[in-house]
Protein backbone atom coordinates (compact mmCIF):
# COMPACT_ATOMS: atom_id res chain seq x y z
CA UNK A 1 108.12 232.03 208.99
CA UNK A 2 106.79 235.38 209.97
CA UNK A 3 103.07 235.75 209.90
CA UNK A 4 101.43 238.38 207.55
CA UNK A 5 99.73 239.77 210.68
CA UNK A 6 103.07 240.77 211.97
CA UNK A 7 103.40 243.40 209.26
CA UNK A 8 100.72 245.27 211.44
CA UNK A 9 101.50 244.19 214.97
CA UNK A 10 105.30 243.63 214.90
CA UNK A 11 107.83 246.07 216.07
CA UNK A 12 107.90 248.84 218.74
CA UNK A 13 107.27 251.81 216.46
CA UNK A 14 104.24 254.04 216.43
CA UNK A 15 102.33 252.11 213.98
CA UNK A 16 102.71 248.59 215.82
CA UNK A 17 101.84 250.42 218.96
CA UNK A 18 98.50 251.76 217.45
CA UNK A 19 97.52 248.48 215.80
CA UNK A 20 98.17 246.45 219.08
CA UNK A 21 96.46 248.97 221.23
CA UNK A 22 93.23 249.25 219.24
CA UNK A 23 92.99 245.44 219.24
CA UNK A 24 93.45 245.11 223.03
CA UNK A 25 89.67 244.54 223.67
CA UNK A 26 90.18 241.40 225.54
CA UNK A 27 93.27 240.01 223.54
CA UNK A 28 96.41 239.37 225.68
CA UNK A 29 99.81 240.42 224.95
CA UNK A 30 100.44 236.86 223.70
CA UNK A 31 97.94 237.41 220.81
CA UNK A 32 100.66 239.54 219.10
CA UNK A 33 103.68 237.24 219.57
CA UNK A 34 103.43 235.72 216.00
CA UNK A 35 100.27 233.40 216.49
CA UNK A 36 98.22 233.16 213.14
CA UNK A 37 95.29 235.59 213.14
CA UNK A 38 92.39 233.89 211.49
CA UNK A 39 89.34 235.76 210.17
CA UNK A 40 85.91 234.12 210.11
CA UNK A 41 84.14 235.46 207.18
CA UNK A 42 80.73 235.15 208.46
CA UNK A 43 77.59 235.63 206.21
CA UNK A 44 75.15 235.26 209.22
CA UNK A 45 72.25 237.61 208.82
CA UNK A 46 68.67 237.67 209.87
CA UNK A 47 67.81 238.81 206.36
CA UNK A 48 69.52 235.66 204.95
CA UNK A 49 67.43 233.08 206.65
CA UNK A 50 69.32 230.09 205.50
CA UNK A 51 72.40 231.69 207.25
CA UNK A 52 70.79 232.67 210.55
CA UNK A 53 72.53 229.97 212.52
CA UNK A 54 76.12 230.67 211.36
CA UNK A 55 77.00 232.62 214.44
CA UNK A 56 76.59 229.41 216.46
CA UNK A 57 78.69 227.71 213.77
CA UNK A 58 81.31 230.62 214.12
CA UNK A 59 81.49 229.95 217.83
CA UNK A 60 82.64 226.38 217.32
CA UNK A 61 85.03 227.60 214.69
CA UNK A 62 86.43 230.06 217.16
CA UNK A 63 86.93 227.36 219.70
CA UNK A 64 88.93 225.17 217.20
CA UNK A 65 91.20 228.17 216.10
CA UNK A 66 91.87 228.98 219.76
CA UNK A 67 92.59 225.22 220.60
CA UNK A 68 95.17 225.19 217.81
CA UNK A 69 96.84 228.33 219.08
CA UNK A 70 95.46 230.81 216.67
CA UNK A 71 93.62 234.12 217.15
CA UNK A 72 89.93 233.92 215.92
CA UNK A 73 88.45 237.08 214.61
CA UNK A 74 84.79 237.40 213.58
CA UNK A 75 84.43 239.27 210.15
CA UNK A 76 80.94 239.91 209.08
CA UNK A 77 80.68 239.92 205.27
CA UNK A 78 78.06 240.88 202.71
CA UNK A 79 75.17 238.26 202.96
CA UNK A 80 72.97 237.40 200.15
CA UNK A 81 69.52 235.97 200.76
CA UNK A 82 68.23 234.22 197.73
CA UNK A 83 64.55 234.28 198.57
CA UNK A 84 64.45 238.00 199.74
CA UNK A 85 66.84 240.19 197.63
CA UNK A 86 65.44 242.09 194.72
CA UNK A 87 65.76 241.99 191.82
CA UNK A 88 67.83 238.93 192.17
CA UNK A 89 70.63 237.82 194.52
CA UNK A 90 72.77 237.04 191.42
CA UNK A 91 73.17 240.77 190.82
CA UNK A 92 74.97 240.97 194.16
CA UNK A 93 77.18 237.80 193.98
CA UNK A 94 80.16 239.83 192.37
CA UNK A 95 79.75 242.67 194.75
CA UNK A 96 79.84 240.28 197.82
CA UNK A 97 82.93 238.64 196.25
CA UNK A 98 84.63 241.92 195.57
CA UNK A 99 83.94 243.36 199.06
CA UNK A 100 85.01 240.19 200.65
CA UNK A 101 88.25 240.05 198.73
CA UNK A 102 89.23 243.71 199.56
CA UNK A 103 88.41 243.38 203.29
CA UNK A 104 90.40 240.09 203.48
CA UNK A 105 93.37 241.80 201.86
CA UNK A 106 93.13 245.07 203.87
CA UNK A 107 93.15 243.50 207.25
CA UNK A 108 95.89 242.00 209.47
CA UNK A 109 94.96 238.41 209.02
CA UNK A 110 96.90 235.28 208.05
CA UNK A 111 94.09 232.93 206.96
CA UNK A 112 90.25 232.81 206.80
CA UNK A 113 87.40 230.33 207.51
CA UNK A 114 84.58 230.94 205.00
CA UNK A 115 81.00 230.41 206.42
CA UNK A 116 78.30 230.15 203.78
CA UNK A 117 74.98 228.49 203.09
CA UNK A 118 72.57 230.24 200.98
CA UNK A 119 73.11 229.90 197.21
CA UNK A 120 75.26 232.82 196.34
CA UNK A 121 77.36 233.07 199.64
CA UNK A 122 79.74 230.15 199.11
CA UNK A 123 80.38 230.98 195.41
CA UNK A 124 81.17 234.51 196.41
CA UNK A 125 83.36 233.58 199.31
CA UNK A 126 85.30 231.13 197.11
CA UNK A 127 85.70 233.77 194.35
CA UNK A 128 87.06 236.14 196.98
CA UNK A 129 89.41 233.65 198.41
CA UNK A 130 90.73 232.74 195.21
CA UNK A 131 91.54 236.33 194.24
CA UNK A 132 93.24 237.18 197.64
CA UNK A 133 94.85 233.68 197.90
CA UNK A 134 95.20 233.63 201.78
CA UNK A 135 95.00 230.15 203.40
CA UNK A 136 91.15 229.56 203.42
CA UNK A 137 88.67 226.78 204.07
CA UNK A 138 84.97 226.61 203.80
CA UNK A 139 82.51 225.59 206.37
CA UNK A 140 79.01 225.04 204.74
CA UNK A 141 76.02 225.86 206.86
CA UNK A 142 74.08 222.70 205.95
CA UNK A 143 70.68 221.89 204.95
CA UNK A 144 67.35 222.10 206.88
CA UNK A 145 65.63 218.97 208.14
CA UNK A 146 62.69 217.38 206.00
CA UNK A 147 59.24 218.99 206.60
CA UNK A 148 56.04 217.00 205.82
CA UNK A 149 52.68 218.03 204.37
CA UNK A 150 49.70 215.78 204.13
CA UNK A 151 51.90 212.98 205.33
CA UNK A 152 54.56 213.19 202.58
CA UNK A 153 58.04 214.80 202.58
CA UNK A 154 58.04 218.45 201.42
CA UNK A 155 61.22 219.60 199.75
CA UNK A 156 62.08 223.17 200.05
CA UNK A 157 61.73 224.97 196.69
CA UNK A 158 60.65 221.97 194.66
CA UNK A 159 57.57 221.65 196.70
CA UNK A 160 56.72 225.30 196.05
CA UNK A 161 56.95 224.76 192.35
CA UNK A 162 54.95 221.62 192.54
CA UNK A 163 52.27 222.96 194.92
CA UNK A 164 51.94 226.26 193.17
CA UNK A 165 51.20 224.60 189.82
CA UNK A 166 48.66 222.31 191.53
CA UNK A 167 46.98 225.52 192.98
CA UNK A 168 46.97 227.19 189.65
CA UNK A 169 45.47 224.07 188.09
CA UNK A 170 42.68 223.94 190.61
CA UNK A 171 43.62 220.60 192.05
CA UNK A 172 44.92 222.24 195.33
CA UNK A 173 42.80 224.75 197.20
CA UNK A 174 44.26 228.06 198.15
CA UNK A 175 43.80 227.36 201.81
CA UNK A 176 45.81 223.99 201.50
CA UNK A 177 48.50 225.72 199.48
CA UNK A 178 48.95 228.33 202.31
CA UNK A 179 48.70 225.76 204.95
CA UNK A 180 51.77 224.00 203.50
CA UNK A 181 53.77 227.10 204.01
CA UNK A 182 54.42 226.45 207.62
CA UNK A 183 55.33 222.94 206.95
CA UNK A 184 58.21 223.50 204.49
CA UNK A 185 60.74 225.29 206.68
CA UNK A 186 61.17 222.74 209.63
CA UNK A 187 64.56 223.83 210.99
CA UNK A 188 67.51 226.26 210.57
CA UNK A 189 69.53 225.50 207.29
CA UNK A 190 69.33 226.03 203.71
CA UNK A 191 67.12 224.18 201.33
CA UNK A 192 66.98 220.44 201.75
CA UNK A 193 66.60 219.59 197.97
CA UNK A 194 69.62 219.26 195.64
CA UNK A 195 69.19 222.93 194.85
CA UNK A 196 72.05 225.45 194.37
CA UNK A 197 72.98 225.77 198.23
CA UNK A 198 73.36 221.99 198.60
CA UNK A 199 75.07 221.79 195.27
CA UNK A 200 77.62 224.51 196.09
CA UNK A 201 78.35 222.84 199.45
CA UNK A 202 79.14 219.60 197.55
CA UNK A 203 81.18 221.59 195.03
CA UNK A 204 83.27 223.20 197.74
CA UNK A 205 84.01 219.78 199.18
CA UNK A 206 84.69 218.16 195.59
CA UNK A 207 86.98 221.14 194.98
CA UNK A 208 88.80 220.22 198.04
CA UNK A 209 88.07 223.38 199.94
CA UNK A 210 86.33 221.82 202.88
CA UNK A 211 87.22 219.38 205.58
CA UNK A 212 86.31 216.02 203.83
CA UNK A 213 82.98 214.75 204.96
CA UNK A 214 81.30 218.02 206.08
CA UNK A 215 79.11 218.68 203.05
CA UNK A 216 75.43 217.99 203.50
CA UNK A 217 75.64 217.68 207.31
CA UNK A 218 72.26 219.00 208.38
CA UNK A 219 72.29 222.40 210.01
CA UNK A 220 70.70 221.35 213.32
CA UNK A 221 73.14 218.17 213.63
CA UNK A 222 75.68 218.47 216.47
CA UNK A 223 78.19 216.98 214.19
CA UNK A 224 78.19 220.25 212.14
CA UNK A 225 79.49 222.00 215.12
CA UNK A 226 82.15 219.21 215.84
CA UNK A 227 83.47 219.56 212.24
CA UNK A 228 83.31 223.33 212.52
CA UNK A 229 85.66 223.06 215.48
CA UNK A 230 87.84 220.70 213.58
CA UNK A 231 87.84 223.32 210.63
CA UNK A 232 89.09 226.01 213.04
CA UNK A 233 91.97 223.82 213.99
CA UNK A 234 92.74 223.03 210.33
CA UNK A 235 92.83 226.72 209.44
CA UNK A 236 95.68 227.28 211.88
CA UNK A 237 97.56 224.33 210.12
CA UNK A 238 96.82 225.91 206.72
CA UNK A 239 98.69 229.06 207.68
CA UNK A 240 101.52 227.14 209.25
CA UNK A 241 101.81 225.02 206.07
CA UNK A 242 101.34 227.91 203.61
CA UNK A 243 98.56 226.08 201.92
CA UNK A 244 96.49 228.51 199.74
CA UNK A 245 93.52 228.15 197.56
CA UNK A 246 95.89 228.36 194.55
CA UNK A 247 97.48 224.98 195.61
CA UNK A 248 94.18 223.33 195.79
CA UNK A 249 91.96 224.92 193.22
CA UNK A 250 93.65 223.42 190.09
CA UNK A 251 92.05 222.06 186.95
CA UNK A 252 92.16 218.75 188.64
CA UNK A 253 89.99 219.78 191.38
CA UNK A 254 87.41 221.41 188.81
CA UNK A 255 87.44 218.14 186.98
CA UNK A 256 86.34 216.47 190.32
CA UNK A 257 83.65 218.98 190.95
CA UNK A 258 82.19 218.55 187.44
CA UNK A 259 82.08 214.76 187.96
CA UNK A 260 80.36 215.27 191.17
CA UNK A 261 77.87 217.74 189.83
CA UNK A 262 76.71 214.88 187.44
CA UNK A 263 76.54 212.15 190.10
CA UNK A 264 74.45 214.08 192.53
CA UNK A 265 72.22 215.75 189.94
CA UNK A 266 73.34 219.28 190.97
CA UNK A 267 72.19 222.64 190.02
CA UNK A 268 72.71 224.28 186.62
CA UNK A 269 73.78 227.28 188.62
CA UNK A 270 77.02 225.48 189.54
CA UNK A 271 78.21 225.84 185.85
CA UNK A 272 78.11 229.78 186.24
CA UNK A 273 79.73 229.60 189.68
CA UNK A 274 82.50 227.08 188.89
CA UNK A 275 83.35 229.11 185.77
CA UNK A 276 83.61 232.25 187.76
CA UNK A 277 85.54 230.68 190.53
CA UNK A 278 88.08 229.27 187.87
CA UNK A 279 88.40 232.71 186.33
CA UNK A 280 89.66 234.20 189.46
CA UNK A 281 92.45 231.62 189.35
CA UNK A 282 93.44 231.67 185.81
CA UNK A 283 92.29 227.97 185.44
CA UNK A 284 91.02 227.39 181.81
CA UNK A 285 87.57 226.15 182.39
CA UNK A 286 84.90 226.12 179.56
CA UNK A 287 81.50 224.93 179.07
CA UNK A 288 82.73 222.03 176.90
CA UNK A 289 84.58 220.85 180.01
CA UNK A 290 81.13 220.18 181.65
CA UNK A 291 80.12 218.02 178.67
CA UNK A 292 83.45 216.29 178.25
CA UNK A 293 83.84 215.44 181.96
CA UNK A 294 80.26 214.91 183.25
CA UNK A 295 77.97 213.94 180.30
CA UNK A 296 78.39 210.25 180.58
CA UNK A 297 78.45 210.05 184.49
CA UNK A 298 75.31 208.50 185.89
CA UNK A 299 73.04 210.15 188.32
CA UNK A 300 73.42 208.26 191.55
CA UNK A 301 71.59 210.41 194.04
CA UNK A 302 67.85 210.06 194.31
CA UNK A 303 67.05 213.54 195.62
CA UNK A 304 64.56 216.24 194.62
CA UNK A 305 64.21 217.80 192.08
CA UNK A 306 65.60 214.88 189.87
CA UNK A 307 64.49 212.20 192.43
CA UNK A 308 62.37 211.60 195.57
CA UNK A 309 64.59 212.08 198.70
CA UNK A 310 65.96 215.10 200.58
CA UNK A 311 69.30 216.25 201.90
CA UNK A 312 69.09 214.53 205.32
CA UNK A 313 68.35 211.32 203.69
CA UNK A 314 71.57 211.71 201.64
CA UNK A 315 73.51 212.35 204.81
CA UNK A 316 71.83 209.31 206.46
CA UNK A 317 72.68 207.11 203.45
CA UNK A 318 76.40 207.69 203.61
CA UNK A 319 76.78 211.34 202.38
CA UNK A 320 78.84 212.84 199.64
CA UNK A 321 82.01 210.64 200.28
CA UNK A 322 79.87 207.56 199.67
CA UNK A 323 78.65 208.95 196.42
CA UNK A 324 82.20 209.82 195.34
CA UNK A 325 83.27 206.26 196.28
CA UNK A 326 80.90 205.06 193.61
CA UNK A 327 82.51 207.30 190.90
CA UNK A 328 86.14 207.08 192.21
CA UNK A 329 87.40 205.79 188.87
CA UNK A 330 86.14 209.13 187.31
CA UNK A 331 87.94 211.32 189.70
CA UNK A 332 91.39 212.82 189.33
CA UNK A 333 93.50 210.94 191.93
CA UNK A 334 96.07 213.85 192.20
CA UNK A 335 93.55 216.62 193.13
CA UNK A 336 94.31 217.53 196.73
CA UNK A 337 92.28 219.06 199.57
CA UNK A 338 92.94 221.72 202.16
CA UNK A 339 94.13 218.86 204.35
CA UNK A 340 97.08 218.40 201.79
CA UNK A 341 95.85 214.90 200.97
CA UNK A 342 94.17 213.90 197.73
CA UNK A 343 90.30 213.78 197.84
CA UNK A 344 90.33 210.10 196.83
CA UNK A 345 92.25 209.15 200.04
CA UNK A 346 89.06 209.80 201.94
CA UNK A 347 86.92 207.42 199.96
CA UNK A 348 88.19 204.05 201.04
CA UNK A 349 85.95 203.78 204.07
CA UNK A 350 82.99 205.46 202.58
CA UNK A 351 79.89 203.23 202.42
CA UNK A 352 76.38 203.41 201.15
CA UNK A 353 74.03 202.61 203.87
CA UNK A 354 70.70 203.13 201.80
CA UNK A 355 70.84 202.15 198.18
CA UNK A 356 67.41 203.68 197.45
CA UNK A 357 69.02 207.16 198.13
CA UNK A 358 72.56 206.52 196.88
CA UNK A 359 72.35 204.22 193.82
CA UNK A 360 75.02 201.87 192.61
CA UNK A 361 76.76 202.39 189.34
CA UNK A 362 75.01 199.28 188.11
CA UNK A 363 71.48 200.72 188.98
CA UNK A 364 71.63 204.42 188.54
CA UNK A 365 68.59 206.84 188.62
CA UNK A 366 69.61 207.98 185.17
CA UNK A 367 72.48 207.09 182.72
CA UNK A 368 74.50 210.02 181.34
CA UNK A 369 73.27 212.59 183.68
CA UNK A 370 75.68 215.37 183.33
CA UNK A 371 74.80 218.97 182.46
CA UNK A 372 74.32 219.06 178.60
CA UNK A 373 75.86 222.06 176.72
CA UNK A 374 73.96 223.05 173.72
CA UNK A 375 75.18 225.01 170.56
CA UNK A 376 73.45 226.17 167.49
CA UNK A 377 72.31 229.33 165.70
CA UNK A 378 70.19 230.24 168.67
CA UNK A 379 73.05 229.87 171.23
CA UNK A 380 76.38 230.38 169.48
CA UNK A 381 77.93 231.07 172.90
CA UNK A 382 76.30 227.93 174.40
CA UNK A 383 73.25 227.16 176.58
CA UNK A 384 72.78 224.49 179.27
CA UNK A 385 70.01 221.92 180.20
CA UNK A 386 69.71 219.51 183.07
CA UNK A 387 68.54 216.33 181.52
CA UNK A 388 67.90 214.74 184.75
CA UNK A 389 65.30 217.23 185.55
CA UNK A 390 63.46 217.11 182.23
CA UNK A 391 60.75 215.00 180.80
CA UNK A 392 62.68 212.50 178.67
CA UNK A 393 60.30 212.86 175.66
CA UNK A 394 61.03 216.65 175.45
CA UNK A 395 64.71 216.23 175.04
CA UNK A 396 64.23 216.03 171.33
CA UNK A 397 61.40 218.38 170.38
CA UNK A 398 60.28 220.72 167.56
CA UNK A 399 57.69 223.35 168.27
CA UNK A 400 56.62 226.92 167.47
CA UNK A 401 57.91 229.66 169.65
CA UNK A 402 55.74 231.71 172.00
CA UNK A 403 57.97 234.69 172.84
CA UNK A 404 57.99 236.87 175.89
CA UNK A 405 60.04 239.99 175.97
CA UNK A 406 60.55 240.24 179.69
CA UNK A 407 59.36 238.84 183.00
CA UNK A 408 56.61 241.43 183.21
CA UNK A 409 55.37 240.49 179.68
CA UNK A 410 55.42 236.83 180.79
CA UNK A 411 53.17 237.56 183.76
CA UNK A 412 50.87 239.72 181.83
CA UNK A 413 50.09 237.19 179.12
CA UNK A 414 50.93 233.81 180.32
CA UNK A 415 47.45 233.05 181.61
CA UNK A 416 45.51 234.86 178.89
CA UNK A 417 42.84 232.40 177.49
CA UNK A 418 43.59 233.84 174.13
CA UNK A 419 47.22 233.17 174.13
CA UNK A 420 48.11 231.04 171.05
CA UNK A 421 49.85 228.21 172.86
CA UNK A 422 49.63 224.50 173.09
CA UNK A 423 51.71 221.64 174.81
CA UNK A 424 53.97 221.43 171.76
CA UNK A 425 54.85 225.13 171.73
CA UNK A 426 58.22 226.39 172.99
CA UNK A 427 58.16 229.28 175.58
CA UNK A 428 60.80 231.74 174.94
CA UNK A 429 61.72 234.33 177.48
CA UNK A 430 64.44 237.02 176.87
CA UNK A 431 65.76 240.18 178.62
CA UNK A 432 66.69 238.09 181.63
CA UNK A 433 70.51 237.52 181.15
CA UNK A 434 73.30 239.22 183.07
CA UNK A 435 72.78 242.60 181.36
CA UNK A 436 69.31 242.55 180.32
CA UNK A 437 67.51 242.29 183.67
CA UNK A 438 70.16 242.97 185.04
CA UNK A 439 71.55 240.11 187.21
CA UNK A 440 70.32 236.87 185.37
CA UNK A 441 67.32 235.99 187.77
CA UNK A 442 66.00 232.53 188.34
CA UNK A 443 62.96 232.70 186.10
CA UNK A 444 63.98 230.37 183.31
CA UNK A 445 61.65 227.77 184.79
CA UNK A 446 58.65 229.70 183.53
CA UNK A 447 55.25 228.53 184.92
CA UNK A 448 53.08 226.83 182.46
CA UNK A 449 49.92 228.53 180.96
CA UNK A 450 46.92 227.89 183.30
CA UNK A 451 44.77 226.57 180.37
CA UNK A 452 47.59 223.93 179.67
CA UNK A 453 47.84 223.02 183.40
CA UNK A 454 43.95 222.50 183.35
CA UNK A 455 44.53 219.95 180.64
CA UNK A 456 47.15 218.03 182.65
CA UNK A 457 50.39 219.30 180.99
CA UNK A 458 53.09 219.50 183.60
CA UNK A 459 56.24 220.10 181.32
CA UNK A 460 56.95 222.03 178.21
CA UNK A 461 60.32 223.07 176.47
CA UNK A 462 61.36 226.49 177.79
CA UNK A 463 64.18 228.57 176.61
CA UNK A 464 65.81 231.79 178.08
CA UNK A 465 68.94 233.67 178.95
CA UNK A 466 67.99 233.47 182.56
CA UNK A 467 68.89 230.99 185.22
CA UNK A 468 66.59 228.76 187.18
CA UNK A 469 66.65 227.67 190.83
CA UNK A 470 68.46 224.44 191.55
CA UNK A 471 65.26 223.18 193.20
CA UNK A 472 63.28 223.55 190.09
CA UNK A 473 62.61 220.93 187.31
CA UNK A 474 61.51 220.58 183.69
CA UNK A 475 62.77 220.75 180.11
CA UNK A 476 64.40 224.09 180.62
CA UNK A 477 67.20 225.49 178.41
CA UNK A 478 69.11 228.17 180.31
CA UNK A 479 72.10 230.64 180.13
CA UNK A 480 71.65 231.20 176.43
CA UNK A 481 74.74 233.13 175.40
CA UNK A 482 75.13 235.78 174.04
CA UNK A 483 71.93 236.95 175.85
CA UNK A 484 69.35 239.03 173.93
CA UNK A 485 70.50 242.17 175.63
CA UNK A 486 73.98 241.70 174.29
CA UNK A 487 73.02 241.28 170.76
CA UNK A 488 72.47 237.37 170.92
CA UNK A 489 70.15 235.77 168.35
CA UNK A 490 67.49 235.19 171.00
CA UNK A 491 66.70 238.87 170.40
CA UNK A 492 65.50 237.97 166.87
CA UNK A 493 63.08 235.23 167.57
CA UNK A 494 59.48 235.91 166.80
CA UNK A 495 56.31 234.05 167.94
CA UNK A 496 55.66 231.29 165.52
CA UNK A 497 59.20 230.66 164.58
CA UNK A 498 60.10 226.86 164.53
CA UNK A 499 62.54 225.95 167.38
CA UNK A 500 64.38 222.65 167.31
CA UNK A 501 65.91 221.33 170.50
CA UNK A 502 68.05 218.02 170.29
CA UNK A 503 69.80 217.39 173.48
CA UNK A 504 71.47 214.05 172.49
CA UNK A 505 72.97 216.02 169.49
CA UNK A 506 73.71 219.09 171.74
CA UNK A 507 71.79 221.40 169.28
CA UNK A 508 69.43 224.40 169.89
CA UNK A 509 68.41 226.08 166.60
CA UNK A 510 65.81 228.27 165.05
CA UNK A 511 64.96 226.59 161.73
CA UNK A 512 65.04 229.54 159.45
CA UNK A 513 67.42 230.55 156.67
CA UNK A 514 70.53 232.34 157.82
CA UNK A 515 69.79 235.29 155.45
CA UNK A 516 66.36 235.82 157.00
CA UNK A 517 67.92 235.91 160.54
CA UNK A 518 70.49 238.44 159.34
CA UNK A 519 67.87 240.70 157.86
CA UNK A 520 65.90 240.71 161.15
CA UNK A 521 66.11 243.50 163.83
CA UNK A 522 65.21 243.15 167.57
CA UNK A 523 61.58 243.90 168.22
CA UNK A 524 60.85 247.32 169.66
CA UNK A 525 59.39 245.64 172.86
CA UNK A 526 62.44 243.67 173.29
CA UNK A 527 64.82 246.53 172.89
CA UNK A 528 62.85 248.64 175.22
CA UNK A 529 63.62 246.39 178.18
CA UNK A 530 67.49 246.99 177.98
CA UNK A 531 67.87 250.58 179.17
CA UNK A 532 71.11 250.57 181.17
CA UNK A 533 71.03 251.64 184.81
CA UNK A 534 72.30 255.26 185.27
CA UNK A 535 74.23 254.88 188.57
CA UNK A 536 75.53 252.80 191.43
CA UNK A 537 76.49 249.05 191.46
CA UNK A 538 73.94 248.21 188.81
CA UNK A 539 75.59 250.54 186.32
CA UNK A 540 79.02 249.14 187.17
CA UNK A 541 77.65 245.67 186.83
CA UNK A 542 75.91 246.14 183.41
CA UNK A 543 79.04 247.79 181.98
CA UNK A 544 81.47 245.17 183.02
CA UNK A 545 79.51 241.90 183.38
CA UNK A 546 80.62 238.96 181.35
CA UNK A 547 78.18 236.64 179.58
CA UNK A 548 77.07 233.26 181.34
CA UNK A 549 79.49 231.09 179.37
CA UNK A 550 82.39 232.95 181.23
CA UNK A 551 80.80 232.78 184.67
CA UNK A 552 79.01 236.30 184.66
CA UNK A 553 81.87 237.75 186.58
CA UNK A 554 82.87 241.33 186.16
CA UNK A 555 85.65 241.64 183.42
CA UNK A 556 88.02 243.44 185.69
CA UNK A 557 87.71 240.91 188.45
CA UNK A 558 89.00 237.97 186.43
CA UNK A 559 92.35 236.86 187.77
CA UNK A 560 93.65 237.46 191.01
CA UNK A 561 95.64 240.27 192.89
CA UNK A 562 97.19 238.33 195.82
CA UNK A 563 97.21 239.43 199.41
CA UNK A 564 99.91 242.03 199.38
CA UNK A 565 98.95 245.65 200.31
CA UNK A 566 101.16 247.93 198.45
CA UNK A 567 100.74 251.06 200.50
CA UNK A 568 101.31 251.42 204.22
CA UNK A 569 98.57 252.59 206.56
CA UNK A 570 98.84 256.14 208.05
């Protein structure tokens, strides 16, 4: 079978001559004899701290590709640093996916290894790979090692939320709070909680898009480089076998990802990302699938933010495959991986070495731990909550709304001593969805009013059209759809309105007569925050972004275009 790259390098005409000549910067003549050319889509960047080490990982991938007879080619791609990008990294996920898709299609490559780590990089790379459908495999960059502060483990992200609230409550001095800063980031790698980065690495493996057993390997662990070398070898095999993302990423594999999401207590952000990836493939995936498949699966992984431990503990205790062995009966046995074998084939020898980290089915951390999908007159398009991260007593709650029209409004009024709020109130934040912000930032886990923190309150019901960090926790309802900026009923809520949350019944409602809601108009303050950008990517994004229940992808990017380039280069 002729390789795709031979469309550029084959033949003795002028075009073949030019293409070969410009690539002779160390490549021998044998590089153009039909060997697979494998791109390494590398999101290493000094401005994406979690991905800084991926150049080292890339070197091992290159060696594996070469050992298997392929030609490795470094291909830097758009990199998204969750902690640094403004206004939010989510605004750029679709741009990174689109840019990566187009550059993969346009170049003379036969397959690709996808190197990601920080939250949006693996989703963006998978969206791109699904759309261009060249043989592809993921290498997750891995979590950092556990840091310690005052003698106790400090989880990246989760520790920030906990310590900052203690500082605001006055139980932690500002000096101690700042001293913890240098304790949190102990090594290279992404967040070591079961945040979005760790979750999406596990999702990539559960989807079948990695070498089985690699997800969760700590970034400094030498075994990550060993597995990266093996992934490079596998990439060459994928090209020879013609094994593409469309053959791996089926509804069966998404079933396994959703089941895995529940068992590991993964980030709510995975819902948006999995919906977007499925949309690129034409796989029919909906919010209801998350409830149907994952709702009654127990939480087995005792990791922050839902539990106590951290990612290197999970790896030590047996890793993701050991978790999946515990729920094997809930996995689709026919879902295949990039190796060509079913995922379940890799679970037979998986063992749990520490049952305080990976619980058994008979002693889970929490029963029925999957992401809960809520509907009601406040969220006709759906909303999500992570019960595993919430105070159980708040999963059924009625309270009066305290409404904030924007993040700026929240920051301006939250700590006002005169704010009419108590522990039974429901904090409502709007204007933070895909269109309204724009970009759907991670602000749904609103800080609590300082006067309530001083009273010892540590959780409240919070509702928004935003997302929250996978490292965050609390009784937080997210992704309300349609968002306020798209005309959703969240725009109609007023301070004092009775809000009813009933997670067991999967309901989220404003307890007012329908005719009253129909007569209301969005407040002027609310509407003022929705001015559309006038140019650039933000304008394109706002004009075309879908709602959260459809993955917040751009409407014209849904579906795939394949790898063919329909015009020749001249």
